[in-house]
């Protein structure tokens, strides 16, 4: 499995966390700076970025994906492209 059972998954829709067997963490509507400052307070183990996050939390999503290449706090676990150019990214939040 990509994630451990009962992992805390930040996403815009709880159904994703439920299908993964994890606990839902709300994806906040804040700036990138505020997001990074408070990431430990959210207590998320993973962050799922899909079409809803890209359209509704664009600043965080784009900066988060960029930071997986530059920052040891976030690690890209898996990416997938579905039909119709839908892209999904699973990011691990390192403690």
PDB file of N, CA and C in Angstrom:
ATOM      1  N   UNK A   1       0.821  -1.211   0.000  1.00  0.00           N
ATOM      2  CA  UNK A   1       0.000   0.000   0.000  1.00  0.00           C
ATOM      3  C   UNK A   1       0.861   1.270   0.000  1.00  0.00           C
ATOM      4  N   UNK A   2       0.321   2.318  -0.591  1.00  0.00           N
ATOM      5  CA  UNK A   2       1.042   3.596  -0.637  1.00  0.00           C
ATOM      6  C   UNK A   2       1.069   4.300   0.708  1.00  0.00           C
ATOM      7  N   UNK A   3       0.020   4.113   1.500  1.00  0.00           N
ATOM      8  CA  UNK A   3      -0.047   4.775   2.806  1.00  0.00           C
ATOM      9  C   UNK A   3      -0.336   3.739   3.886  1.00  0.00           C
ATOM     10  N   UNK A   4       0.071   4.064   5.099  1.00  0.00           N
ATOM     11  CA  UNK A   4      -0.205   3.164   6.209  1.00  0.00           C
ATOM     12  C   UNK A   4      -1.668   3.322   6.638  1.00  0.00           C
ATOM     13  N   UNK A   5      -2.263   2.282   7.231  1.00  0.00           N
ATOM     14  CA  UNK A   5      -3.656   2.371   7.693  1.00  0.00           C
ATOM     15  C   UNK A   5      -3.839   3.525   8.684  1.00  0.00           C
ATOM     16  N   UNK A   6      -4.966   4.194   8.570  1.00  0.00           N
ATOM     17  CA  UNK A   6      -5.344   5.308   9.454  1.00  0.00           C
ATOM     18  C   UNK A   6      -4.468   6.540   9.322  1.00  0.00           C
ATOM     19  N   UNK A   7      -3.713   6.646   8.240  1.00  0.00           N
ATOM     20  CA  UNK A   7      -2.912   7.852   8.004  1.00  0.00           C
ATOM     21  C   UNK A   7      -3.846   9.050   7.851  1.00  0.00           C
ATOM     22  N   UNK A   8      -3.371  10.213   8.232  1.00  0.00           N
ATOM     23  CA  UNK A   8      -4.156  11.450   8.126  1.00  0.00           C
ATOM     24  C   UNK A   8      -3.857  12.076   6.757  1.00  0.00           C
ATOM     25  N   UNK A   9      -4.912  12.181   5.926  1.00  0.00           N
ATOM     26  CA  UNK A   9      -4.764  12.628   4.538  1.00  0.00           C
ATOM     27  C   UNK A   9      -5.464  13.960   4.344  1.00  0.00           C
ATOM     28  N   UNK A  10      -4.701  14.977   3.955  1.00  0.00           N
ATOM     29  CA  UNK A  10      -5.261  16.292   3.672  1.00  0.00           C
ATOM     30  C   UNK A  10      -5.727  16.319   2.221  1.00  0.00           C
ATOM     31  N   UNK A  11      -6.983  16.659   2.038  1.00  0.00           N
ATOM     32  CA  UNK A  11      -7.579  16.742   0.715  1.00  0.00           C
ATOM     33  C   UNK A  11      -8.819  17.619   0.815  1.00  0.00           C
ATOM     34  N   UNK A  12      -9.352  18.045  -0.293  1.00  0.00           N
ATOM     35  CA  UNK A  12     -10.557  18.883  -0.259  1.00  0.00           C
ATOM     36  C   UNK A  12     -11.813  18.063  -0.026  1.00  0.00           C
ATOM     37  N   UNK A  13     -11.780  16.791  -0.381  1.00  0.00           N
ATOM     38  CA  UNK A  13     -12.973  15.962  -0.261  1.00  0.00           C
ATOM     39  C   UNK A  13     -12.668  14.722   0.573  1.00  0.00           C
ATOM     40  N   UNK A  14     -13.467  14.486   1.589  1.00  0.00           N
ATOM     41  CA  UNK A  14     -13.209  13.387   2.519  1.00  0.00           C
ATOM     42  C   UNK A  14     -13.295  12.001   1.892  1.00  0.00           C
ATOM     43  N   UNK A  15     -13.963  11.869   0.778  1.00  0.00           N
ATOM     44  CA  UNK A  15     -14.123  10.557   0.154  1.00  0.00           C
ATOM     45  C   UNK A  15     -12.771   9.956  -0.226  1.00  0.00           C
ATOM     46  N   UNK A  16     -11.818  10.796  -0.614  1.00  0.00           N
ATOM     47  CA  UNK A  16     -10.485  10.303  -0.983  1.00  0.00           C
ATOM     48  C   UNK A  16      -9.804   9.649   0.207  1.00  0.00           C
ATOM     49  N   UNK A  17      -9.872  10.292   1.357  1.00  0.00           N
ATOM     50  CA  UNK A  17      -9.271   9.734   2.571  1.00  0.00           C
ATOM     51  C   UNK A  17      -9.986   8.443   2.965  1.00  0.00           C
ATOM     52  N   UNK A  18     -11.287   8.440   2.836  1.00  0.00           N
ATOM     53  CA  UNK A  18     -12.074   7.262   3.195  1.00  0.00           C
ATOM     54  C   UNK A  18     -11.686   6.063   2.330  1.00  0.00           C
ATOM     55  N   UNK A  19     -11.603   6.258   1.003  1.00  0.00           N
ATOM     56  CA  UNK A  19     -11.238   5.158   0.110  1.00  0.00           C
ATOM     57  C   UNK A  19      -9.830   4.651   0.388  1.00  0.00           C
ATOM     58  N   UNK A  20      -8.949   5.520   0.844  1.00  0.00           N
ATOM     59  CA  UNK A  20      -7.572   5.128   1.138  1.00  0.00           C
ATOM     60  C   UNK A  20      -7.439   4.483   2.517  1.00  0.00           C
ATOM     61  N   UNK A  21      -8.513   4.461   3.280  1.00  0.00           N
ATOM     62  CA  UNK A  21      -8.460   3.889   4.619  1.00  0.00           C
ATOM     63  C   UNK A  21      -7.815   4.813   5.629  1.00  0.00           C
ATOM     64  N   UNK A  22      -7.838   6.098   5.326  1.00  0.00           N
ATOM     65  CA  UNK A  22      -7.203   7.076   6.203  1.00  0.00           C
ATOM     66  C   UNK A  22      -8.204   7.989   6.879  1.00  0.00           C
ATOM     67  N   UNK A  23      -7.672   8.924   7.620  1.00  0.00           N
ATOM     68  CA  UNK A  23      -8.473   9.921   8.327  1.00  0.00           C
ATOM     69  C   UNK A  23      -8.407  11.235   7.545  1.00  0.00           C
ATOM     70  N   UNK A  24      -9.539  11.860   7.366  1.00  0.00           N
ATOM     71  CA  UNK A  24      -9.654  13.092   6.590  1.00  0.00           C
ATOM     72  C   UNK A  24      -9.126  14.298   7.364  1.00  0.00           C
ATOM     73  N   UNK A  25      -8.292  15.096   6.688  1.00  0.00           N
ATOM     74  CA  UNK A  25      -7.827  16.392   7.196  1.00  0.00           C
ATOM     75  C   UNK A  25      -8.227  17.428   6.157  1.00  0.00           C
ATOM     76  N   UNK A  26      -8.949  18.447   6.573  1.00  0.00           N
ATOM     77  CA  UNK A  26      -9.415  19.485   5.663  1.00  0.00           C
ATOM     78  C   UNK A  26      -8.247  20.250   5.037  1.00  0.00           C
ATOM     79  N   UNK A  27      -8.325  20.475   3.746  1.00  0.00           N
ATOM     80  CA  UNK A  27      -7.320  21.255   3.014  1.00  0.00           C
ATOM     81  C   UNK A  27      -7.662  22.729   3.232  1.00  0.00           C
ATOM     82  N   UNK A  28      -6.843  23.472   3.972  1.00  0.00           N
ATOM     83  CA  UNK A  28      -7.211  24.837   4.356  1.00  0.00           C
ATOM     84  C   UNK A  28      -7.190  25.826   3.191  1.00  0.00           C
ATOM     85  N   UNK A  29      -7.970  26.860   3.328  1.00  0.00           N
ATOM     86  CA  UNK A  29      -8.003  27.939   2.349  1.00  0.00           C
ATOM     87  C   UNK A  29      -7.178  29.093   2.928  1.00  0.00           C
ATOM     88  N   UNK A  30      -5.856  28.979   2.757  1.00  0.00           N
ATOM     89  CA  UNK A  30      -4.906  29.963   3.285  1.00  0.00           C
ATOM     90  C   UNK A  30      -3.837  30.222   2.227  1.00  0.00           C
ATOM     91  N   UNK A  31      -2.972  31.175   2.496  1.00  0.00           N
ATOM     92  CA  UNK A  31      -1.855  31.439   1.589  1.00  0.00           C
ATOM     93  C   UNK A  31      -0.797  30.341   1.737  1.00  0.00           C
ATOM     94  N   UNK A  32       0.100  30.252   0.766  1.00  0.00           N
ATOM     95  CA  UNK A  32       1.199  29.289   0.834  1.00  0.00           C
ATOM     96  C   UNK A  32       2.049  29.524   2.088  1.00  0.00           C
ATOM     97  N   UNK A  33       2.327  30.770   2.391  1.00  0.00           N
ATOM     98  CA  UNK A  33       3.141  31.103   3.561  1.00  0.00           C
ATOM     99  C   UNK A  33       2.479  30.616   4.850  1.00  0.00           C
ATOM    100  N   UNK A  34       1.177  30.844   4.960  1.00  0.00           N
ATOM    101  CA  UNK A  34       0.424  30.407   6.136  1.00  0.00           C
ATOM    102  C   UNK A  34       0.378  28.874   6.207  1.00  0.00           C
ATOM    103  N   UNK A  35       0.231  28.243   5.062  1.00  0.00           N
ATOM    104  CA  UNK A  35       0.191  26.788   4.985  1.00  0.00           C
ATOM    105  C   UNK A  35       1.489  26.180   5.516  1.00  0.00           C
ATOM    106  N   UNK A  36       2.625  26.672   5.028  1.00  0.00           N
ATOM    107  CA  UNK A  36       3.926  26.146   5.447  1.00  0.00           C
ATOM    108  C   UNK A  36       4.158  26.415   6.936  1.00  0.00           C
ATOM    109  N   UNK A  37       3.784  27.589   7.388  1.00  0.00           N
ATOM    110  CA  UNK A  37       3.976  27.959   8.788  1.00  0.00           C
ATOM    111  C   UNK A  37       3.196  27.030   9.726  1.00  0.00           C
ATOM    112  N   UNK A  38       2.024  26.583   9.291  1.00  0.00           N
ATOM    113  CA  UNK A  38       1.140  25.786  10.150  1.00  0.00           C
ATOM    114  C   UNK A  38       1.051  24.309   9.795  1.00  0.00           C
ATOM    115  N   UNK A  39       1.896  23.830   8.901  1.00  0.00           N
ATOM    116  CA  UNK A  39       1.768  22.447   8.431  1.00  0.00           C
ATOM    117  C   UNK A  39       1.814  21.439   9.580  1.00  0.00           C
ATOM    118  N   UNK A  40       2.642  21.660  10.572  1.00  0.00           N
ATOM    119  CA  UNK A  40       2.702  20.713  11.692  1.00  0.00           C
ATOM    120  C   UNK A  40       1.424  20.736  12.526  1.00  0.00           C
ATOM    121  N   UNK A  41       0.762  21.880  12.601  1.00  0.00           N
ATOM    122  CA  UNK A  41      -0.495  21.990  13.351  1.00  0.00           C
ATOM    123  C   UNK A  41      -1.630  21.232  12.671  1.00  0.00           C
ATOM    124  N   UNK A  42      -1.566  21.064  11.361  1.00  0.00           N
ATOM    125  CA  UNK A  42      -2.610  20.330  10.644  1.00  0.00           C
ATOM    126  C   UNK A  42      -2.520  18.830  10.916  1.00  0.00           C
ATOM    127  N   UNK A  43      -1.350  18.361  11.296  1.00  0.00           N
ATOM    128  CA  UNK A  43      -1.117  16.953  11.639  1.00  0.00           C
ATOM    129  C   UNK A  43      -1.462  16.003  10.499  1.00  0.00           C
ATOM    130  N   UNK A  44      -1.182  16.427   9.278  1.00  0.00           N
ATOM    131  CA  UNK A  44      -1.417  15.576   8.107  1.00  0.00           C
ATOM    132  C   UNK A  44      -0.175  14.727   7.841  1.00  0.00           C
ATOM    133  N   UNK A  45      -0.409  13.469   7.502  1.00  0.00           N
ATOM    134  CA  UNK A  45       0.687  12.582   7.102  1.00  0.00           C
ATOM    135  C   UNK A  45       0.920  12.669   5.592  1.00  0.00           C
ATOM    136  N   UNK A  46      -0.172  12.886   4.861  1.00  0.00           N
ATOM    137  CA  UNK A  46      -0.119  12.963   3.405  1.00  0.00           C
ATOM    138  C   UNK A  46      -1.006  14.100   2.927  1.00  0.00           C
ATOM    139  N   UNK A  47      -0.705  14.583   1.731  1.00  0.00           N
ATOM    140  CA  UNK A  47      -1.540  15.579   1.074  1.00  0.00           C
ATOM    141  C   UNK A  47      -1.856  15.041  -0.317  1.00  0.00           C
ATOM    142  N   UNK A  48      -3.127  14.993  -0.637  1.00  0.00           N
ATOM    143  CA  UNK A  48      -3.559  14.552  -1.964  1.00  0.00           C
ATOM    144  C   UNK A  48      -3.905  15.787  -2.785  1.00  0.00           C
ATOM    145  N   UNK A  49      -3.247  15.915  -3.924  1.00  0.00           N
ATOM    146  CA  UNK A  49      -3.522  17.027  -4.829  1.00  0.00           C
ATOM    147  C   UNK A  49      -4.119  16.448  -6.099  1.00  0.00           C
ATOM    148  N   UNK A  50      -5.328  16.874  -6.397  1.00  0.00           N
ATOM    149  CA  UNK A  50      -6.018  16.454  -7.604  1.00  0.00           C
ATOM    150  C   UNK A  50      -6.638  17.674  -8.263  1.00  0.00           C
ATOM    151  N   UNK A  51      -7.552  17.472  -9.189  1.00  0.00           N
ATOM    152  CA  UNK A  51      -8.175  18.600  -9.885  1.00  0.00           C
ATOM    153  C   UNK A  51      -8.850  19.601  -8.953  1.00  0.00           C
ATOM    154  N   UNK A  52      -9.509  19.132  -7.905  1.00  0.00           N
ATOM    155  CA  UNK A  52     -10.196  20.052  -6.988  1.00  0.00           C
ATOM    156  C   UNK A  52      -9.210  20.927  -6.241  1.00  0.00           C
ATOM    157  N   UNK A  53      -8.093  20.358  -5.831  1.00  0.00           N
ATOM    158  CA  UNK A  53      -7.079  21.137  -5.124  1.00  0.00           C
ATOM    159  C   UNK A  53      -6.373  22.100  -6.077  1.00  0.00           C
ATOM    160  N   UNK A  54      -6.113  21.643  -7.291  1.00  0.00           N
ATOM    161  CA  UNK A  54      -5.446  22.505  -8.275  1.00  0.00           C
ATOM    162  C   UNK A  54      -6.306  23.712  -8.641  1.00  0.00           C
ATOM    163  N   UNK A  55      -7.618  23.522  -8.690  1.00  0.00           N
ATOM    164  CA  UNK A  55      -8.487  24.643  -9.063  1.00  0.00           C
ATOM    165  C   UNK A  55      -8.873  25.499  -7.863  1.00  0.00           C
ATOM    166  N   UNK A  56      -9.014  24.891  -6.692  1.00  0.00           N
ATOM    167  CA  UNK A  56      -9.473  25.639  -5.532  1.00  0.00           C
ATOM    168  C   UNK A  56      -8.377  26.104  -4.595  1.00  0.00           C
ATOM    169  N   UNK A  57      -7.213  25.480  -4.671  1.00  0.00           N
ATOM    170  CA  UNK A  57      -6.073  25.844  -3.821  1.00  0.00           C
ATOM    171  C   UNK A  57      -4.820  25.901  -4.688  1.00  0.00           C
ATOM    172  N   UNK A  58      -4.908  26.636  -5.775  1.00  0.00           N
ATOM    173  CA  UNK A  58      -3.858  26.664  -6.791  1.00  0.00           C
ATOM    174  C   UNK A  58      -2.510  27.074  -6.230  1.00  0.00           C
ATOM    175  N   UNK A  59      -2.459  28.132  -5.442  1.00  0.00           N
ATOM    176  CA  UNK A  59      -1.198  28.634  -4.902  1.00  0.00           C
ATOM    177  C   UNK A  59      -0.507  27.565  -4.063  1.00  0.00           C
ATOM    178  N   UNK A  60      -1.240  26.950  -3.162  1.00  0.00           N
ATOM    179  CA  UNK A  60      -0.654  25.909  -2.317  1.00  0.00           C
ATOM    180  C   UNK A  60      -0.247  24.709  -3.161  1.00  0.00           C
ATOM    181  N   UNK A  61      -1.117  24.265  -4.051  1.00  0.00           N
ATOM    182  CA  UNK A  61      -0.838  23.077  -4.865  1.00  0.00           C
ATOM    183  C   UNK A  61       0.419  23.242  -5.701  1.00  0.00           C
ATOM    184  N   UNK A  62       0.537  24.352  -6.394  1.00  0.00           N
ATOM    185  CA  UNK A  62       1.699  24.583  -7.259  1.00  0.00           C
ATOM    186  C   UNK A  62       2.984  24.716  -6.437  1.00  0.00           C
ATOM    187  N   UNK A  63       2.919  25.454  -5.347  1.00  0.00           N
ATOM    188  CA  UNK A  63       4.107  25.612  -4.499  1.00  0.00           C
ATOM    189  C   UNK A  63       4.477  24.303  -3.816  1.00  0.00           C
ATOM    190  N   UNK A  64       3.505  23.532  -3.438  1.00  0.00           N
ATOM    191  CA  UNK A  64       3.759  22.251  -2.787  1.00  0.00           C
ATOM    192  C   UNK A  64       4.464  21.296  -3.747  1.00  0.00           C
ATOM    193  N   UNK A  65       3.981  21.205  -4.967  1.00  0.00           N
ATOM    194  CA  UNK A  65       4.624  20.326  -5.944  1.00  0.00           C
ATOM    195  C   UNK A  65       6.046  20.787  -6.243  1.00  0.00           C
ATOM    196  N   UNK A  66       6.237  22.075  -6.337  1.00  0.00           N
ATOM    197  CA  UNK A  66       7.583  22.614  -6.560  1.00  0.00           C
ATOM    198  C   UNK A  66       8.489  22.298  -5.370  1.00  0.00           C
ATOM    199  N   UNK A  67       7.954  22.402  -4.168  1.00  0.00           N
ATOM    200  CA  UNK A  67       8.778  22.204  -2.981  1.00  0.00           C
ATOM    201  C   UNK A  67       9.165  20.745  -2.763  1.00  0.00           C
ATOM    202  N   UNK A  68       8.452  19.795  -3.392  1.00  0.00           N
ATOM    203  CA  UNK A  68       8.852  18.390  -3.248  1.00  0.00           C
ATOM    204  C   UNK A  68      10.216  18.161  -3.877  1.00  0.00           C
ATOM    205  N   UNK A  69      10.631  19.046  -4.756  1.00  0.00           N
ATOM    206  CA  UNK A  69      11.939  18.938  -5.394  1.00  0.00           C
ATOM    207  C   UNK A  69      13.014  19.709  -4.628  1.00  0.00           C
ATOM    208  N   UNK A  70      12.586  20.637  -3.767  1.00  0.00           N
ATOM    209  CA  UNK A  70      13.542  21.525  -3.110  1.00  0.00           C
ATOM    210  C   UNK A  70      13.574  21.401  -1.597  1.00  0.00           C
ATOM    211  N   UNK A  71      12.560  20.801  -1.004  1.00  0.00           N
ATOM    212  CA  UNK A  71      12.343  20.877   0.426  1.00  0.00           C
ATOM    213  C   UNK A  71      12.244  19.466   1.005  1.00  0.00           C
ATOM    214  N   UNK A  72      12.906  19.205   2.081  1.00  0.00           N
ATOM    215  CA  UNK A  72      12.857  17.881   2.693  1.00  0.00           C
ATOM    216  C   UNK A  72      11.584  17.646   3.506  1.00  0.00           C
ATOM    217  N   UNK A  73      10.768  18.669   3.702  1.00  0.00           N
ATOM    218  CA  UNK A  73       9.531  18.546   4.469  1.00  0.00           C
ATOM    219  C   UNK A  73       8.451  17.804   3.682  1.00  0.00           C
ATOM    220  N   UNK A  74       8.475  17.923   2.350  1.00  0.00           N
ATOM    221  CA  UNK A  74       7.461  17.317   1.492  1.00  0.00           C
ATOM    222  C   UNK A  74       8.136  16.392   0.475  1.00  0.00           C
ATOM    223  N   UNK A  75       7.591  15.177   0.328  1.00  0.00           N
ATOM    224  CA  UNK A  75       8.163  14.203  -0.604  1.00  0.00           C
ATOM    225  C   UNK A  75       7.057  13.643  -1.492  1.00  0.00           C
ATOM    226  N   UNK A  76       7.259  13.706  -2.786  1.00  0.00           N
ATOM    227  CA  UNK A  76       6.294  13.146  -3.732  1.00  0.00           C
ATOM    228  C   UNK A  76       6.361  11.624  -3.670  1.00  0.00           C
ATOM    229  N   UNK A  77       5.228  11.005  -3.347  1.00  0.00           N
ATOM    230  CA  UNK A  77       5.147   9.549  -3.242  1.00  0.00           C
ATOM    231  C   UNK A  77       4.748   8.945  -4.580  1.00  0.00           C
ATOM    232  N   UNK A  78       3.742   9.540  -5.217  1.00  0.00           N
ATOM    233  CA  UNK A  78       3.244   8.998  -6.486  1.00  0.00           C
ATOM    234  C   UNK A  78       2.478  10.069  -7.242  1.00  0.00           C
ATOM    235  N   UNK A  79       2.584  10.009  -8.540  1.00  0.00           N
ATOM    236  CA  UNK A  79       1.763  10.871  -9.395  1.00  0.00           C
ATOM    237  C   UNK A  79       1.093   9.981 -10.434  1.00  0.00           C
ATOM    238  N   UNK A  80      -0.064  10.429 -10.883  1.00  0.00           N
ATOM    239  CA  UNK A  80      -0.808   9.657 -11.878  1.00  0.00           C
ATOM    240  C   UNK A  80      -1.581  10.599 -12.782  1.00  0.00           C
ATOM    241  N   UNK A  81      -1.677  10.238 -14.029  1.00  0.00           N
ATOM    242  CA  UNK A  81      -2.476  10.998 -14.989  1.00  0.00           C
ATOM    243  C   UNK A  81      -3.596  10.102 -15.472  1.00  0.00           C
ATOM    244  N   UNK A  82      -4.809  10.618 -15.340  1.00  0.00           N
ATOM    245  CA  UNK A  82      -5.982   9.863 -15.737  1.00  0.00           C
ATOM    246  C   UNK A  82      -6.475  10.389 -17.090  1.00  0.00           C
ATOM    247  N   UNK A  83      -7.451   9.695 -17.661  1.00  0.00           N
ATOM    248  CA  UNK A  83      -8.037  10.141 -18.927  1.00  0.00           C
ATOM    249  C   UNK A  83      -8.566  11.558 -18.779  1.00  0.00           C
ATOM    250  N   UNK A  84      -8.450  12.337 -19.816  1.00  0.00           N
ATOM    251  CA  UNK A  84      -8.928  13.707 -19.794  1.00  0.00           C
ATOM    252  C   UNK A  84      -7.946  14.658 -19.119  1.00  0.00           C
ATOM    253  N   UNK A  85      -6.700  14.243 -18.969  1.00  0.00           N
ATOM    254  CA  UNK A  85      -5.632  15.072 -18.392  1.00  0.00           C
ATOM    255  C   UNK A  85      -5.812  15.377 -16.914  1.00  0.00           C
ATOM    256  N   UNK A  86      -6.575  14.575 -16.180  1.00  0.00           N
ATOM    257  CA  UNK A  86      -6.663  14.740 -14.742  1.00  0.00           C
ATOM    258  C   UNK A  86      -5.375  14.225 -14.121  1.00  0.00           C
ATOM    259  N   UNK A  87      -4.768  15.042 -13.285  1.00  0.00           N
ATOM    260  CA  UNK A  87      -3.533  14.641 -12.625  1.00  0.00           C
ATOM    261  C   UNK A  87      -3.750  14.577 -11.120  1.00  0.00           C
ATOM    262  N   UNK A  88      -3.130  13.596 -10.493  1.00  0.00           N
ATOM    263  CA  UNK A  88      -3.188  13.410  -9.057  1.00  0.00           C
ATOM    264  C   UNK A  88      -1.789  13.241  -8.508  1.00  0.00           C
ATOM    265  N   UNK A  89      -1.545  13.804  -7.333  1.00  0.00           N
ATOM    266  CA  UNK A  89      -0.246  13.705  -6.676  1.00  0.00           C
ATOM    267  C   UNK A  89      -0.451  13.356  -5.206  1.00  0.00           C
ATOM    268  N   UNK A  90       0.307  12.396  -4.715  1.00  0.00           N
ATOM    269  CA  UNK A  90       0.296  12.047  -3.309  1.00  0.00           C
ATOM    270  C   UNK A  90       1.622  12.505  -2.723  1.00  0.00           C
ATOM    271  N   UNK A  91       1.547  13.397  -1.741  1.00  0.00           N
ATOM    272  CA  UNK A  91       2.732  13.986  -1.137  1.00  0.00           C
ATOM    273  C   UNK A  91       2.805  13.578   0.325  1.00  0.00           C
ATOM    274  N   UNK A  92       3.962  13.106   0.746  1.00  0.00           N
ATOM    275  CA  UNK A  92       4.195  12.727   2.149  1.00  0.00           C
ATOM    276  C   UNK A  92       4.721  13.953   2.902  1.00  0.00           C
ATOM    277  N   UNK A  93       4.139  14.207   4.068  1.00  0.00           N
ATOM    278  CA  UNK A  93       4.627  15.266   4.940  1.00  0.00           C
ATOM    279  C   UNK A  93       5.611  14.625   5.909  1.00  0.00           C
ATOM    280  N   UNK A  94       6.863  14.976   5.801  1.00  0.00           N
ATOM    281  CA  UNK A  94       7.890  14.394   6.660  1.00  0.00           C
ATOM    282  C   UNK A  94       7.837  15.060   8.020  1.00  0.00           C
ATOM    283  N   UNK A  95       7.939  14.289   9.057  1.00  0.00           N
ATOM    284  CA  UNK A  95       7.884  14.822  10.436  1.00  0.00           C
ATOM    285  C   UNK A  95       9.256  15.244  10.888  1.00  0.00           C
TER     286      UNK A  95
END
